[in-house]
């Protein structure tokens, strides 16, 4: 009986681990809105950096 219990626990653990690895590898897909905001923030930061560089010259 103990062997069956250990085997069952190991199978459950391996199933949980496989599911976790799958989520970690693929994750959630980012929405289009998130991607657009990220791109806008990146462009704004680049412009700020360019302006700061011009002010120093």
C-alpha atoms as a PDB file:
ATOM      1  CA  UNK A   1       0.000   0.000   0.000  1.00  0.00           C
ATOM      2  CA  UNK A   2       2.817   2.395   0.798  1.00  0.00           C
ATOM      3  CA  UNK A   3       4.357   1.844  -2.634  1.00  0.00           C
ATOM      4  CA  UNK A   4       1.095   2.743  -4.347  1.00  0.00           C
ATOM      5  CA  UNK A   5       0.844   5.902  -2.262  1.00  0.00           C
ATOM      6  CA  UNK A   6       4.386   7.001  -3.110  1.00  0.00           C
ATOM      7  CA  UNK A   7       3.885   6.254  -6.812  1.00  0.00           C
ATOM      8  CA  UNK A   8       0.625   8.207  -6.870  1.00  0.00           C
ATOM      9  CA  UNK A   9       2.228  11.173  -5.102  1.00  0.00           C
ATOM     10  CA  UNK A  10       5.142  11.125  -7.554  1.00  0.00           C
ATOM     11  CA  UNK A  11       2.800  11.056 -10.555  1.00  0.00           C
ATOM     12  CA  UNK A  12       0.821  13.994  -9.161  1.00  0.00           C
ATOM     13  CA  UNK A  13       4.034  15.910  -8.519  1.00  0.00           C
ATOM     14  CA  UNK A  14       5.326  15.280 -12.036  1.00  0.00           C
ATOM     15  CA  UNK A  15       2.004  16.425 -13.523  1.00  0.00           C
ATOM     16  CA  UNK A  16       2.106  19.651 -11.474  1.00  0.00           C
ATOM     17  CA  UNK A  17       5.748  20.226 -12.425  1.00  0.00           C
ATOM     18  CA  UNK A  18       5.048  19.701 -16.150  1.00  0.00           C
ATOM     19  CA  UNK A  19       2.138  22.143 -16.002  1.00  0.00           C
ATOM     20  CA  UNK A  20       4.287  24.708 -14.190  1.00  0.00           C
ATOM     21  CA  UNK A  21       7.111  24.357 -16.734  1.00  0.00           C
ATOM     22  CA  UNK A  22       4.631  24.794 -19.591  1.00  0.00           C
ATOM     23  CA  UNK A  23       3.254  28.001 -18.039  1.00  0.00           C
ATOM     24  CA  UNK A  24       6.768  29.288 -17.416  1.00  0.00           C
ATOM     25  CA  UNK A  25       7.892  28.540 -20.954  1.00  0.00           C
ATOM     26  CA  UNK A  26       4.905  29.982 -22.808  1.00  0.00           C
ATOM     27  CA  UNK A  27       3.348  32.301 -20.245  1.00  0.00           C
ATOM     28  CA  UNK A  28       0.403  34.528 -20.954  1.00  0.00           C
ATOM     29  CA  UNK A  29       0.240  36.240 -24.292  1.00  0.00           C
ATOM     30  CA  UNK A  30       0.415  39.974 -23.952  1.00  0.00           C
ATOM     31  CA  UNK A  31      -2.546  41.929 -25.228  1.00  0.00           C
ATOM     32  CA  UNK A  32      -2.269  44.314 -28.163  1.00  0.00           C
ATOM     33  CA  UNK A  33      -3.065  47.207 -25.828  1.00  0.00           C
ATOM     34  CA  UNK A  34      -0.146  46.263 -23.572  1.00  0.00           C
ATOM     35  CA  UNK A  35       2.215  46.041 -26.551  1.00  0.00           C
ATOM     36  CA  UNK A  36       1.082  49.458 -27.827  1.00  0.00           C
ATOM     37  CA  UNK A  37       1.605  51.070 -24.415  1.00  0.00           C
ATOM     38  CA  UNK A  38       5.025  49.473 -24.066  1.00  0.00           C
ATOM     39  CA  UNK A  39       6.048  50.748 -27.491  1.00  0.00           C
ATOM     40  CA  UNK A  40       4.774  54.278 -26.708  1.00  0.00           C
ATOM     41  CA  UNK A  41       6.691  54.341 -23.406  1.00  0.00           C
ATOM     42  CA  UNK A  42       9.865  53.154 -25.109  1.00  0.00           C
ATOM     43  CA  UNK A  43       9.598  55.831 -27.793  1.00  0.00           C
ATOM     44  CA  UNK A  44       8.944  58.531 -25.197  1.00  0.00           C
ATOM     45  CA  UNK A  45      12.021  57.521 -23.197  1.00  0.00           C
ATOM     46  CA  UNK A  46      14.173  57.528 -26.339  1.00  0.00           C
ATOM     47  CA  UNK A  47      12.986  61.048 -27.178  1.00  0.00           C
ATOM     48  CA  UNK A  48      13.761  62.226 -23.639  1.00  0.00           C
ATOM     49  CA  UNK A  49      17.253  60.775 -23.881  1.00  0.00           C
ATOM     50  CA  UNK A  50      17.832  62.515 -27.216  1.00  0.00           C
ATOM     51  CA  UNK A  51      16.644  65.835 -25.782  1.00  0.00           C
ATOM     52  CA  UNK A  52      18.951  65.495 -22.791  1.00  0.00           C
ATOM     53  CA  UNK A  53      21.854  64.766 -25.130  1.00  0.00           C
ATOM     54  CA  UNK A  54      21.095  67.892 -27.170  1.00  0.00           C
ATOM     55  CA  UNK A  55      20.925  70.060 -24.051  1.00  0.00           C
ATOM     56  CA  UNK A  56      24.367  68.967 -22.969  1.00  0.00           C
ATOM     57  CA  UNK A  57      25.945  69.993 -26.309  1.00  0.00           C
END
